[in-house]
PDB file of N, CA and C in Angstrom:
ATOM      1  N   MET A   1      -4.201  -6.543 -11.347  1.00  0.00           N
ATOM      2  CA  MET A   1      -3.629  -7.878 -11.308  1.00  0.00           C
ATOM      3  C   MET A   1      -2.122  -7.799 -11.157  1.00  0.00           C
ATOM      4  N   GLN A   2      -1.536  -8.825 -10.643  1.00  0.00           N
ATOM      5  CA  GLN A   2      -0.129  -8.851 -10.280  1.00  0.00           C
ATOM      6  C   GLN A   2       0.790  -9.136 -11.459  1.00  0.00           C
ATOM      7  N   GLY A   3       0.871  -8.284 -12.439  1.00  0.00           N
ATOM      8  CA  GLY A   3       1.862  -8.403 -13.489  1.00  0.00           C
ATOM      9  C   GLY A   3       1.574  -9.450 -14.548  1.00  0.00           C
ATOM     10  N   SER A   4       0.525 -10.246 -14.425  1.00  0.00           N
ATOM     11  CA  SER A   4       0.187 -11.207 -15.463  1.00  0.00           C
ATOM     12  C   SER A   4      -1.257 -10.963 -15.872  1.00  0.00           C
ATOM     13  N   SER A   5      -1.644 -11.610 -16.969  1.00  0.00           N
ATOM     14  CA  SER A   5      -3.004 -11.403 -17.452  1.00  0.00           C
ATOM     15  C   SER A   5      -4.009 -12.259 -16.693  1.00  0.00           C
ATOM     16  N   GLU A   6      -3.530 -13.255 -15.967  1.00  0.00           N
ATOM     17  CA  GLU A   6      -4.434 -14.146 -15.244  1.00  0.00           C
ATOM     18  C   GLU A   6      -4.564 -13.710 -13.787  1.00  0.00           C
ATOM     19  N   PRO A   7      -5.799 -13.591 -13.298  1.00  0.00           N
ATOM     20  CA  PRO A   7      -5.972 -13.186 -11.897  1.00  0.00           C
ATOM     21  C   PRO A   7      -5.504 -14.266 -10.929  1.00  0.00           C
ATOM     22  N   ILE A   8      -5.040 -13.799  -9.778  1.00  0.00           N
ATOM     23  CA  ILE A   8      -4.618 -14.695  -8.703  1.00  0.00           C
ATOM     24  C   ILE A   8      -5.467 -14.382  -7.475  1.00  0.00           C
ATOM     25  N   VAL A   9      -5.386 -15.214  -6.461  1.00  0.00           N
ATOM     26  CA  VAL A   9      -6.186 -15.050  -5.244  1.00  0.00           C
ATOM     27  C   VAL A   9      -5.958 -13.674  -4.625  1.00  0.00           C
ATOM     28  N   GLN A  10      -4.731 -13.212  -4.590  1.00  0.00           N
ATOM     29  CA  GLN A  10      -4.431 -11.911  -3.994  1.00  0.00           C
ATOM     30  C   GLN A  10      -5.194 -10.783  -4.691  1.00  0.00           C
ATOM     31  N   ASP A  11      -5.371 -10.877  -5.994  1.00  0.00           N
ATOM     32  CA  ASP A  11      -6.142  -9.865  -6.722  1.00  0.00           C
ATOM     33  C   ASP A  11      -7.564  -9.779  -6.172  1.00  0.00           C
ATOM     34  N   LEU A  12      -8.177 -10.932  -5.946  1.00  0.00           N
ATOM     35  CA  LEU A  12      -9.541 -10.972  -5.426  1.00  0.00           C
ATOM     36  C   LEU A  12      -9.603 -10.410  -4.011  1.00  0.00           C
ATOM     37  N   VAL A  13      -8.641 -10.779  -3.180  1.00  0.00           N
ATOM     38  CA  VAL A  13      -8.592 -10.287  -1.798  1.00  0.00           C
ATOM     39  C   VAL A  13      -8.505  -8.763  -1.776  1.00  0.00           C
ATOM     40  N   LEU A  14      -7.672  -8.196  -2.630  1.00  0.00           N
ATOM     41  CA  LEU A  14      -7.511  -6.743  -2.677  1.00  0.00           C
ATOM     42  C   LEU A  14      -8.773  -6.051  -3.185  1.00  0.00           C
ATOM     43  N   VAL A  15      -9.445  -6.659  -4.162  1.00  0.00           N
ATOM     44  CA  VAL A  15     -10.697  -6.094  -4.671  1.00  0.00           C
ATOM     45  C   VAL A  15     -11.761  -6.109  -3.576  1.00  0.00           C
ATOM     46  N   VAL A  16     -11.846  -7.203  -2.840  1.00  0.00           N
ATOM     47  CA  VAL A  16     -12.811  -7.297  -1.737  1.00  0.00           C
ATOM     48  C   VAL A  16     -12.519  -6.232  -0.691  1.00  0.00           C
ATOM     49  N   GLU A  17     -11.245  -6.066  -0.346  1.00  0.00           N
ATOM     50  CA  GLU A  17     -10.879  -5.061   0.656  1.00  0.00           C
ATOM     51  C   GLU A  17     -11.270  -3.660   0.188  1.00  0.00           C
ATOM     52  N   GLU A  18     -11.014  -3.361  -1.068  1.00  0.00           N
ATOM     53  CA  GLU A  18     -11.322  -2.031  -1.605  1.00  0.00           C
ATOM     54  C   GLU A  18     -12.828  -1.817  -1.741  1.00  0.00           C
ATOM     55  N   ALA A  19     -13.532  -2.801  -2.270  1.00  0.00           N
ATOM     56  CA  ALA A  19     -14.956  -2.636  -2.574  1.00  0.00           C
ATOM     57  C   ALA A  19     -15.854  -2.707  -1.343  1.00  0.00           C
ATOM     58  N   ILE A  20     -15.535  -3.600  -0.427  1.00  0.00           N
ATOM     59  CA  ILE A  20     -16.429  -3.844   0.708  1.00  0.00           C
ATOM     60  C   ILE A  20     -15.869  -3.294   2.012  1.00  0.00           C
ATOM     61  N   GLY A  21     -14.554  -3.121   2.070  1.00  0.00           N
ATOM     62  CA  GLY A  21     -13.944  -2.570   3.275  1.00  0.00           C
ATOM     63  C   GLY A  21     -13.572  -3.599   4.321  1.00  0.00           C
ATOM     64  N   ILE A  22     -13.514  -4.860   3.919  1.00  0.00           N
ATOM     65  CA  ILE A  22     -13.095  -5.898   4.865  1.00  0.00           C
ATOM     66  C   ILE A  22     -11.594  -6.093   4.706  1.00  0.00           C
ATOM     67  N   PRO A  23     -10.823  -5.788   5.757  1.00  0.00           N
ATOM     68  CA  PRO A  23      -9.367  -5.916   5.665  1.00  0.00           C
ATOM     69  C   PRO A  23      -8.932  -7.348   5.361  1.00  0.00           C
ATOM     70  N   LEU A  24      -7.814  -7.466   4.695  1.00  0.00           N
ATOM     71  CA  LEU A  24      -7.257  -8.751   4.293  1.00  0.00           C
ATOM     72  C   LEU A  24      -7.203  -9.744   5.449  1.00  0.00           C
ATOM     73  N   ASP A  25      -6.769  -9.292   6.609  1.00  0.00           N
ATOM     74  CA  ASP A  25      -6.619 -10.192   7.755  1.00  0.00           C
ATOM     75  C   ASP A  25      -7.948 -10.708   8.295  1.00  0.00           C
ATOM     76  N   PHE A  26      -9.050 -10.074   7.892  1.00  0.00           N
ATOM     77  CA  PHE A  26     -10.363 -10.472   8.386  1.00  0.00           C
ATOM     78  C   PHE A  26     -11.202 -11.152   7.309  1.00  0.00           C
ATOM     79  N   GLN A  27     -10.576 -11.525   6.198  1.00  0.00           N
ATOM     80  CA  GLN A  27     -11.269 -12.208   5.108  1.00  0.00           C
ATOM     81  C   GLN A  27     -10.953 -13.699   5.124  1.00  0.00           C
ATOM     82  N   LYS A  28     -11.981 -14.485   4.808  1.00  0.00           N
ATOM     83  CA  LYS A  28     -11.767 -15.900   4.532  1.00  0.00           C
ATOM     84  C   LYS A  28     -12.572 -16.197   3.274  1.00  0.00           C
ATOM     85  N   LEU A  29     -11.865 -16.483   2.194  1.00  0.00           N
ATOM     86  CA  LEU A  29     -12.502 -16.801   0.923  1.00  0.00           C
ATOM     87  C   LEU A  29     -12.468 -18.313   0.720  1.00  0.00           C
ATOM     88  N   THR A  30     -13.583 -18.854   0.223  1.00  0.00           N
ATOM     89  CA  THR A  30     -13.628 -20.285  -0.063  1.00  0.00           C
ATOM     90  C   THR A  30     -14.216 -20.504  -1.450  1.00  0.00           C
ATOM     91  N   PHE A  31     -13.779 -21.586  -2.068  1.00  0.00           N
ATOM     92  CA  PHE A  31     -14.314 -22.008  -3.356  1.00  0.00           C
ATOM     93  C   PHE A  31     -14.547 -23.507  -3.280  1.00  0.00           C
ATOM     94  N   LYS A  32     -15.783 -23.924  -3.525  1.00  0.00           N
ATOM     95  CA  LYS A  32     -16.183 -25.334  -3.417  1.00  0.00           C
ATOM     96  C   LYS A  32     -15.810 -25.902  -2.051  1.00  0.00           C
ATOM     97  N   GLY A  33     -15.999 -25.092  -1.015  1.00  0.00           N
ATOM     98  CA  GLY A  33     -15.768 -25.538   0.357  1.00  0.00           C
ATOM     99  C   GLY A  33     -14.322 -25.533   0.807  1.00  0.00           C
ATOM    100  N   LYS A  34     -13.406 -25.173  -0.078  1.00  0.00           N
ATOM    101  CA  LYS A  34     -11.984 -25.159   0.283  1.00  0.00           C
ATOM    102  C   LYS A  34     -11.506 -23.722   0.447  1.00  0.00           C
ATOM    103  N   PRO A  35     -10.763 -23.444   1.527  1.00  0.00           N
ATOM    104  CA  PRO A  35     -10.267 -22.072   1.738  1.00  0.00           C
ATOM    105  C   PRO A  35      -9.217 -21.692   0.697  1.00  0.00           C
ATOM    106  N   LEU A  36      -9.268 -20.431   0.280  1.00  0.00           N
ATOM    107  CA  LEU A  36      -8.283 -19.902  -0.667  1.00  0.00           C
ATOM    108  C   LEU A  36      -7.211 -19.189   0.147  1.00  0.00           C
ATOM    109  N   LYS A  37      -6.155 -19.903   0.474  1.00  0.00           N
ATOM    110  CA  LYS A  37      -5.112 -19.377   1.361  1.00  0.00           C
ATOM    111  C   LYS A  37      -3.862 -18.927   0.617  1.00  0.00           C
ATOM    112  N   GLU A  38      -3.536 -19.588  -0.461  1.00  0.00           N
ATOM    113  CA  GLU A  38      -2.304 -19.293  -1.194  1.00  0.00           C
ATOM    114  C   GLU A  38      -2.534 -18.096  -2.111  1.00  0.00           C
ATOM    115  N   MET A  39      -1.988 -16.949  -1.740  1.00  0.00           N
ATOM    116  CA  MET A  39      -2.265 -15.687  -2.424  1.00  0.00           C
ATOM    117  C   MET A  39      -1.779 -15.646  -3.873  1.00  0.00           C
ATOM    118  N   GLU A  40      -0.743 -16.377  -4.205  1.00  0.00           N
ATOM    119  CA  GLU A  40      -0.163 -16.320  -5.555  1.00  0.00           C
ATOM    120  C   GLU A  40      -0.768 -17.350  -6.510  1.00  0.00           C
ATOM    121  N   THR A  41      -1.744 -18.126  -6.045  1.00  0.00           N
ATOM    122  CA  THR A  41      -2.333 -19.169  -6.884  1.00  0.00           C
ATOM    123  C   THR A  41      -3.254 -18.562  -7.944  1.00  0.00           C
ATOM    124  N   PRO A  42      -3.029 -18.889  -9.218  1.00  0.00           N
ATOM    125  CA  PRO A  42      -3.915 -18.383 -10.273  1.00  0.00           C
ATOM    126  C   PRO A  42      -5.286 -19.064 -10.200  1.00  0.00           C
ATOM    127  N   PHE A  43      -6.300 -18.338 -10.647  1.00  0.00           N
ATOM    128  CA  PHE A  43      -7.658 -18.879 -10.633  1.00  0.00           C
ATOM    129  C   PHE A  43      -7.744 -20.196 -11.398  1.00  0.00           C
ATOM    130  N   SER A  44      -7.040 -20.291 -12.531  1.00  0.00           N
ATOM    131  CA  SER A  44      -7.128 -21.500 -13.358  1.00  0.00           C
ATOM    132  C   SER A  44      -6.656 -22.738 -12.601  1.00  0.00           C
ATOM    133  N   ALA A  45      -5.665 -22.581 -11.730  1.00  0.00           N
ATOM    134  CA  ALA A  45      -5.162 -23.717 -10.951  1.00  0.00           C
ATOM    135  C   ALA A  45      -6.189 -24.196  -9.931  1.00  0.00           C
ATOM    136  N   LEU A  46      -7.110 -23.309  -9.576  1.00  0.00           N
ATOM    137  CA  LEU A  46      -8.154 -23.655  -8.610  1.00  0.00           C
ATOM    138  C   LEU A  46      -9.449 -24.073  -9.298  1.00  0.00           C
ATOM    139  N   GLY A  47      -9.492 -23.911 -10.621  1.00  0.00           N
ATOM    140  CA  GLY A  47     -10.702 -24.229 -11.367  1.00  0.00           C
ATOM    141  C   GLY A  47     -11.748 -23.129 -11.322  1.00  0.00           C
ATOM    142  N   ILE A  48     -11.356 -21.929 -10.898  1.00  0.00           N
ATOM    143  CA  ILE A  48     -12.297 -20.807 -10.821  1.00  0.00           C
ATOM    144  C   ILE A  48     -12.438 -20.189 -12.206  1.00  0.00           C
ATOM    145  N   GLN A  49     -13.683 -20.096 -12.648  1.00  0.00           N
ATOM    146  CA  GLN A  49     -13.982 -19.496 -13.945  1.00  0.00           C
ATOM    147  C   GLN A  49     -15.032 -18.415 -13.768  1.00  0.00           C
ATOM    148  N   ASN A  50     -15.193 -17.609 -14.801  1.00  0.00           N
ATOM    149  CA  ASN A  50     -16.193 -16.549 -14.792  1.00  0.00           C
ATOM    150  C   ASN A  50     -17.570 -17.148 -14.492  1.00  0.00           C
ATOM    151  N   GLY A  51     -18.273 -16.575 -13.540  1.00  0.00           N
ATOM    152  CA  GLY A  51     -19.599 -17.053 -13.166  1.00  0.00           C
ATOM    153  C   GLY A  51     -19.609 -17.977 -11.963  1.00  0.00           C
ATOM    154  N   HIS A  52     -18.463 -18.506 -11.579  1.00  0.00           N
ATOM    155  CA  HIS A  52     -18.395 -19.353 -10.390  1.00  0.00           C
ATOM    156  C   HIS A  52     -18.539 -18.505  -9.131  1.00  0.00           C
ATOM    157  N   GLN A  53     -19.049 -19.125  -8.074  1.00  0.00           N
ATOM    158  CA  GLN A  53     -19.218 -18.417  -6.809  1.00  0.00           C
ATOM    159  C   GLN A  53     -18.040 -18.679  -5.880  1.00  0.00           C
ATOM    160  N   VAL A  54     -17.525 -17.593  -5.332  1.00  0.00           N
ATOM    161  CA  VAL A  54     -16.513 -17.664  -4.283  1.00  0.00           C
ATOM    162  C   VAL A  54     -17.177 -17.090  -3.042  1.00  0.00           C
ATOM    163  N   MET A  55     -17.121 -17.815  -1.949  1.00  0.00           N
ATOM    164  CA  MET A  55     -17.765 -17.369  -0.709  1.00  0.00           C
ATOM    165  C   MET A  55     -16.788 -16.533   0.116  1.00  0.00           C
ATOM    166  N   LEU A  56     -17.334 -15.502   0.727  1.00  0.00           N
ATOM    167  CA  LEU A  56     -16.547 -14.627   1.594  1.00  0.00           C
ATOM    168  C   LEU A  56     -17.124 -14.666   2.995  1.00  0.00           C
ATOM    169  N   PHE A  57     -16.268 -14.933   3.950  1.00  0.00           N
ATOM    170  CA  PHE A  57     -16.602 -14.800   5.361  1.00  0.00           C
ATOM    171  C   PHE A  57     -15.668 -13.733   5.889  1.00  0.00           C
ATOM    172  N   GLY A  58     -16.227 -12.719   6.517  1.00  0.00           N
ATOM    173  CA  GLY A  58     -15.353 -11.649   6.983  1.00  0.00           C
ATOM    174  C   GLY A  58     -16.011 -10.776   8.022  1.00  0.00           C
ATOM    175  N   ILE A  59     -15.174  -9.978   8.651  1.00  0.00           N
ATOM    176  CA  ILE A  59     -15.622  -9.031   9.665  1.00  0.00           C
ATOM    177  C   ILE A  59     -15.128  -7.659   9.256  1.00  0.00           C
ATOM    178  N   LYS A  60     -16.055  -6.728   9.173  1.00  0.00           N
ATOM    179  CA  LYS A  60     -15.710  -5.358   8.824  1.00  0.00           C
ATOM    180  C   LYS A  60     -15.289  -4.620  10.091  1.00  0.00           C
ATOM    181  N   ASN A  61     -14.346  -3.698   9.947  1.00  0.00           N
ATOM    182  CA  ASN A  61     -13.919  -2.887  11.088  1.00  0.00           C
ATOM    183  C   ASN A  61     -15.077  -2.048  11.606  1.00  0.00           C
ATOM    184  N   SER A  62     -15.064  -1.793  12.901  1.00  0.00           N
ATOM    185  CA  SER A  62     -16.037  -0.877  13.489  1.00  0.00           C
ATOM    186  C   SER A  62     -15.674   0.547  13.072  1.00  0.00           C
ATOM    187  N   PRO A  63     -16.611   1.495  13.178  1.00  0.00           N
ATOM    188  CA  PRO A  63     -16.295   2.888  12.838  1.00  0.00           C
ATOM    189  C   PRO A  63     -15.108   3.431  13.637  1.00  0.00           C
ATOM    190  N   GLU A  64     -15.004   3.025  14.895  1.00  0.00           N
ATOM    191  CA  GLU A  64     -13.881   3.477  15.719  1.00  0.00           C
ATOM    192  C   GLU A  64     -12.558   2.947  15.175  1.00  0.00           C
ATOM    193  N   GLU A  65     -12.559   1.682  14.745  1.00  0.00           N
ATOM    194  CA  GLU A  65     -11.342   1.099  14.176  1.00  0.00           C
ATOM    195  C   GLU A  65     -10.970   1.785  12.866  1.00  0.00           C
ATOM    196  N   GLU A  66     -11.973   2.149  12.076  1.00  0.00           N
ATOM    197  CA  GLU A  66     -11.711   2.848  10.821  1.00  0.00           C
ATOM    198  C   GLU A  66     -11.058   4.200  11.076  1.00  0.00           C
ATOM    199  N   VAL A  67     -11.533   4.915  12.112  1.00  0.00           N
ATOM    200  CA  VAL A  67     -10.939   6.208  12.468  1.00  0.00           C
ATOM    201  C   VAL A  67      -9.481   6.011  12.854  1.00  0.00           C
ATOM    202  N   GLU A  68      -9.203   5.006  13.672  1.00  0.00           N
ATOM    203  CA  GLU A  68      -7.827   4.731  14.100  1.00  0.00           C
ATOM    204  C   GLU A  68      -6.962   4.296  12.920  1.00  0.00           C
ATOM    205  N   LYS A  69      -7.535   3.505  12.024  1.00  0.00           N
ATOM    206  CA  LYS A  69      -6.799   3.055  10.836  1.00  0.00           C
ATOM    207  C   LYS A  69      -6.412   4.255   9.969  1.00  0.00           C
ATOM    208  N   LYS A  70      -7.341   5.211   9.809  1.00  0.00           N
ATOM    209  CA  LYS A  70      -7.049   6.415   9.035  1.00  0.00           C
ATOM    210  C   LYS A  70      -5.958   7.236   9.707  1.00  0.00           C
ATOM    211  N   LYS A  71      -6.008   7.334  11.036  1.00  0.00           N
ATOM    212  CA  LYS A  71      -4.971   8.068  11.765  1.00  0.00           C
ATOM    213  C   LYS A  71      -3.600   7.436  11.521  1.00  0.00           C
ATOM    214  N   LEU A  72      -3.547   6.107  11.541  1.00  0.00           N
ATOM    215  CA  LEU A  72      -2.280   5.413  11.303  1.00  0.00           C
ATOM    216  C   LEU A  72      -1.771   5.653   9.885  1.00  0.00           C
ATOM    217  N   LYS A  73      -2.666   5.622   8.901  1.00  0.00           N
ATOM    218  CA  LYS A  73      -2.258   5.886   7.517  1.00  0.00           C
ATOM    219  C   LYS A  73      -1.727   7.305   7.376  1.00  0.00           C
ATOM    220  N   ASP A  74      -2.427   8.263   8.002  1.00  0.00           N
ATOM    221  CA  ASP A  74      -1.985   9.660   7.948  1.00  0.00           C
ATOM    222  C   ASP A  74      -0.625   9.827   8.618  1.00  0.00           C
ATOM    223  N   LEU A  75      -0.439   9.154   9.754  1.00  0.00           N
ATOM    224  CA  LEU A  75       0.837   9.220  10.464  1.00  0.00           C
ATOM    225  C   LEU A  75       1.953   8.632   9.607  1.00  0.00           C
ATOM    226  N   LYS A  76       1.671   7.522   8.949  1.00  0.00           N
ATOM    227  CA  LYS A  76       2.671   6.892   8.084  1.00  0.00           C
ATOM    228  C   LYS A  76       3.086   7.843   6.962  1.00  0.00           C
ATOM    229  N   LYS A  77       2.105   8.504   6.340  1.00  0.00           N
ATOM    230  CA  LYS A  77       2.420   9.459   5.271  1.00  0.00           C
ATOM    231  C   LYS A  77       3.265  10.606   5.801  1.00  0.00           C
ATOM    232  N   SER A  78       2.929  11.092   6.990  1.00  0.00           N
ATOM    233  CA  SER A  78       3.678  12.191   7.596  1.00  0.00           C
ATOM    234  C   SER A  78       5.127  11.780   7.862  1.00  0.00           C
ATOM    235  N   VAL A  79       5.308  10.588   8.394  1.00  0.00           N
ATOM    236  CA  VAL A  79       6.661  10.088   8.673  1.00  0.00           C
ATOM    237  C   VAL A  79       7.439   9.940   7.368  1.00  0.00           C
ATOM    238  N   GLU A  80       6.794   9.422   6.327  1.00  0.00           N
ATOM    239  CA  GLU A  80       7.475   9.261   5.037  1.00  0.00           C
ATOM    240  C   GLU A  80       7.915  10.610   4.478  1.00  0.00           C
ATOM    241  N   ARG A  81       7.063  11.632   4.615  1.00  0.00           N
ATOM    242  CA  ARG A  81       7.441  12.973   4.144  1.00  0.00           C
ATOM    243  C   ARG A  81       8.635  13.502   4.931  1.00  0.00           C
ATOM    244  N   ARG A  82       8.636  13.280   6.230  1.00  0.00           N
ATOM    245  CA  ARG A  82       9.750  13.755   7.059  1.00  0.00           C
ATOM    246  C   ARG A  82      11.042  13.019   6.724  1.00  0.00           C
ATOM    247  N   VAL A  83      10.952  11.738   6.466  1.00  0.00           N
ATOM    248  CA  VAL A  83      12.136  10.967   6.071  1.00  0.00           C
ATOM    249  C   VAL A  83      12.694  11.522   4.761  1.00  0.00           C
ATOM    250  N   ASP A  84      11.812  11.807   3.806  1.00  0.00           N
ATOM    251  CA  ASP A  84      12.255  12.389   2.535  1.00  0.00           C
ATOM    252  C   ASP A  84      12.944  13.730   2.767  1.00  0.00           C
ATOM    253  N   HIS A  85      12.388  14.548   3.648  1.00  0.00           N
ATOM    254  CA  HIS A  85      12.965  15.862   3.946  1.00  0.00           C
ATOM    255  C   HIS A  85      14.354  15.711   4.581  1.00  0.00           C
ATOM    256  N   VAL A  86      14.482  14.776   5.517  1.00  0.00           N
ATOM    257  CA  VAL A  86      15.777  14.542   6.167  1.00  0.00           C
ATOM    258  C   VAL A  86      16.795  14.052   5.140  1.00  0.00           C
ATOM    259  N   GLU A  87      16.377  13.191   4.225  1.00  0.00           N
ATOM    260  CA  GLU A  87      17.290  12.714   3.186  1.00  0.00           C
ATOM    261  C   GLU A  87      17.749  13.865   2.300  1.00  0.00           C
ATOM    262  N   ASP A  88      16.835  14.770   1.957  1.00  0.00           N
ATOM    263  CA  ASP A  88      17.203  15.950   1.165  1.00  0.00           C
ATOM    264  C   ASP A  88      18.207  16.817   1.916  1.00  0.00           C
ATOM    265  N   LEU A  89      17.962  17.038   3.196  1.00  0.00           N
ATOM    266  CA  LEU A  89      18.885  17.834   4.010  1.00  0.00           C
ATOM    267  C   LEU A  89      20.250  17.163   4.107  1.00  0.00           C
ATOM    268  N   ASN A  90      20.254  15.850   4.237  1.00  0.00           N
ATOM    269  CA  ASN A  90      21.503  15.098   4.324  1.00  0.00           C
ATOM    270  C   ASN A  90      22.308  15.244   3.037  1.00  0.00           C
ATOM    271  N   GLN A  91      21.635  15.185   1.892  1.00  0.00           N
ATOM    272  CA  GLN A  91      22.332  15.365   0.613  1.00  0.00           C
ATOM    273  C   GLN A  91      22.903  16.771   0.505  1.00  0.00           C
ATOM    274  N   GLU A  92      22.135  17.751   0.938  1.00  0.00           N
ATOM    275  CA  GLU A  92      22.606  19.130   0.900  1.00  0.00           C
ATOM    276  C   GLU A  92      23.818  19.307   1.813  1.00  0.00           C
ATOM    277  N   LEU A  93      23.764  18.721   2.997  1.00  0.00           N
ATOM    278  CA  LEU A  93      24.880  18.807   3.938  1.00  0.00           C
ATOM    279  C   LEU A  93      26.120  18.122   3.372  1.00  0.00           C
ATOM    280  N   THR A  94      25.932  16.981   2.737  1.00  0.00           N
ATOM    281  CA  THR A  94      27.057  16.276   2.116  1.00  0.00           C
ATOM    282  C   THR A  94      27.695  17.150   1.049  1.00  0.00           C
ATOM    283  N   GLY A  95      26.872  17.819   0.253  1.00  0.00           N
ATOM    284  CA  GLY A  95      27.395  18.726  -0.768  1.00  0.00           C
ATOM    285  C   GLY A  95      28.180  19.869  -0.161  1.00  0.00           C
ATOM    286  N   ILE A  96      27.680  20.433   0.919  1.00  0.00           N
ATOM    287  CA  ILE A  96      28.382  21.532   1.596  1.00  0.00           C
ATOM    288  C   ILE A  96      29.717  21.045   2.141  1.00  0.00           C
ATOM    289  N   GLN A  97      29.722  19.838   2.724  1.00  0.00           N
ATOM    290  CA  GLN A  97      30.962  19.277   3.267  1.00  0.00           C
ATOM    291  C   GLN A  97      31.992  19.045   2.170  1.00  0.00           C
ATOM    292  N   GLN A  98      31.524  18.803   0.963  1.00  0.00           N
ATOM    293  CA  GLN A  98      32.436  18.570  -0.157  1.00  0.00           C
ATOM    294  C   GLN A  98      32.802  19.871  -0.868  1.00  0.00           C
ATOM    295  N   GLY A  99      32.340  20.992  -0.322  1.00  0.00           N
ATOM    296  CA  GLY A  99      32.718  22.281  -0.870  1.00  0.00           C
ATOM    297  C   GLY A  99      31.736  22.876  -1.852  1.00  0.00           C
ATOM    298  N   PHE A 100      30.578  22.269  -2.003  1.00  0.00           N
ATOM    299  CA  PHE A 100      29.567  22.797  -2.913  1.00  0.00           C
ATOM    300  C   PHE A 100      28.530  23.566  -2.116  1.00  0.00           C
ATOM    301  N   LEU A 101      28.123  24.694  -2.635  1.00  0.00           N
ATOM    302  CA  LEU A 101      27.063  25.479  -2.006  1.00  0.00           C
ATOM    303  C   LEU A 101      25.842  25.473  -2.907  1.00  0.00           C
ATOM    304  N   ALA A 102      24.697  25.614  -2.296  1.00  0.00           N
ATOM    305  CA  ALA A 102      23.458  25.686  -3.067  1.00  0.00           C
ATOM    306  C   ALA A 102      23.495  26.898  -3.985  1.00  0.00           C
ATOM    307  N   LYS A 103      22.882  26.802  -5.160  1.00  0.00           N
ATOM    308  CA  LYS A 103      22.904  27.879  -6.145  1.00  0.00           C
ATOM    309  C   LYS A 103      22.232  29.145  -5.635  1.00  0.00           C
ATOM    310  N   ASP A 104      21.280  29.008  -4.724  1.00  0.00           N
ATOM    311  CA  ASP A 104      20.557  30.181  -4.238  1.00  0.00           C
ATOM    312  C   ASP A 104      21.290  30.902  -3.110  1.00  0.00           C
ATOM    313  N   LEU A 105      22.486  30.459  -2.738  1.00  0.00           N
ATOM    314  CA  LEU A 105      23.259  31.129  -1.677  1.00  0.00           C
ATOM    315  C   LEU A 105      24.289  32.056  -2.257  1.00  0.00           C
TER     316      LEU A 105
END
């Protein structure tokens, strides 16, 4: 849940995405015939209580899309690692420019 004890619509959307595999952009949740669009709205403001039914309309990614999605996630992680490495090198270079050498040199 998003930092409070009361669930909000976004919490449900994320649980659906994790449990069923339907991406957020392909979900349409409704309660009593009304779409749940406002992600920050608490359940109590919508009248949703334990035991109530929330309807889900959604499209799951095809296996090919899942493979591509995984490739994109892996690429993102790789880029993030490289950015971290470049930042480390930049700090080391800044230290050298200021007259400091690494302890192992």
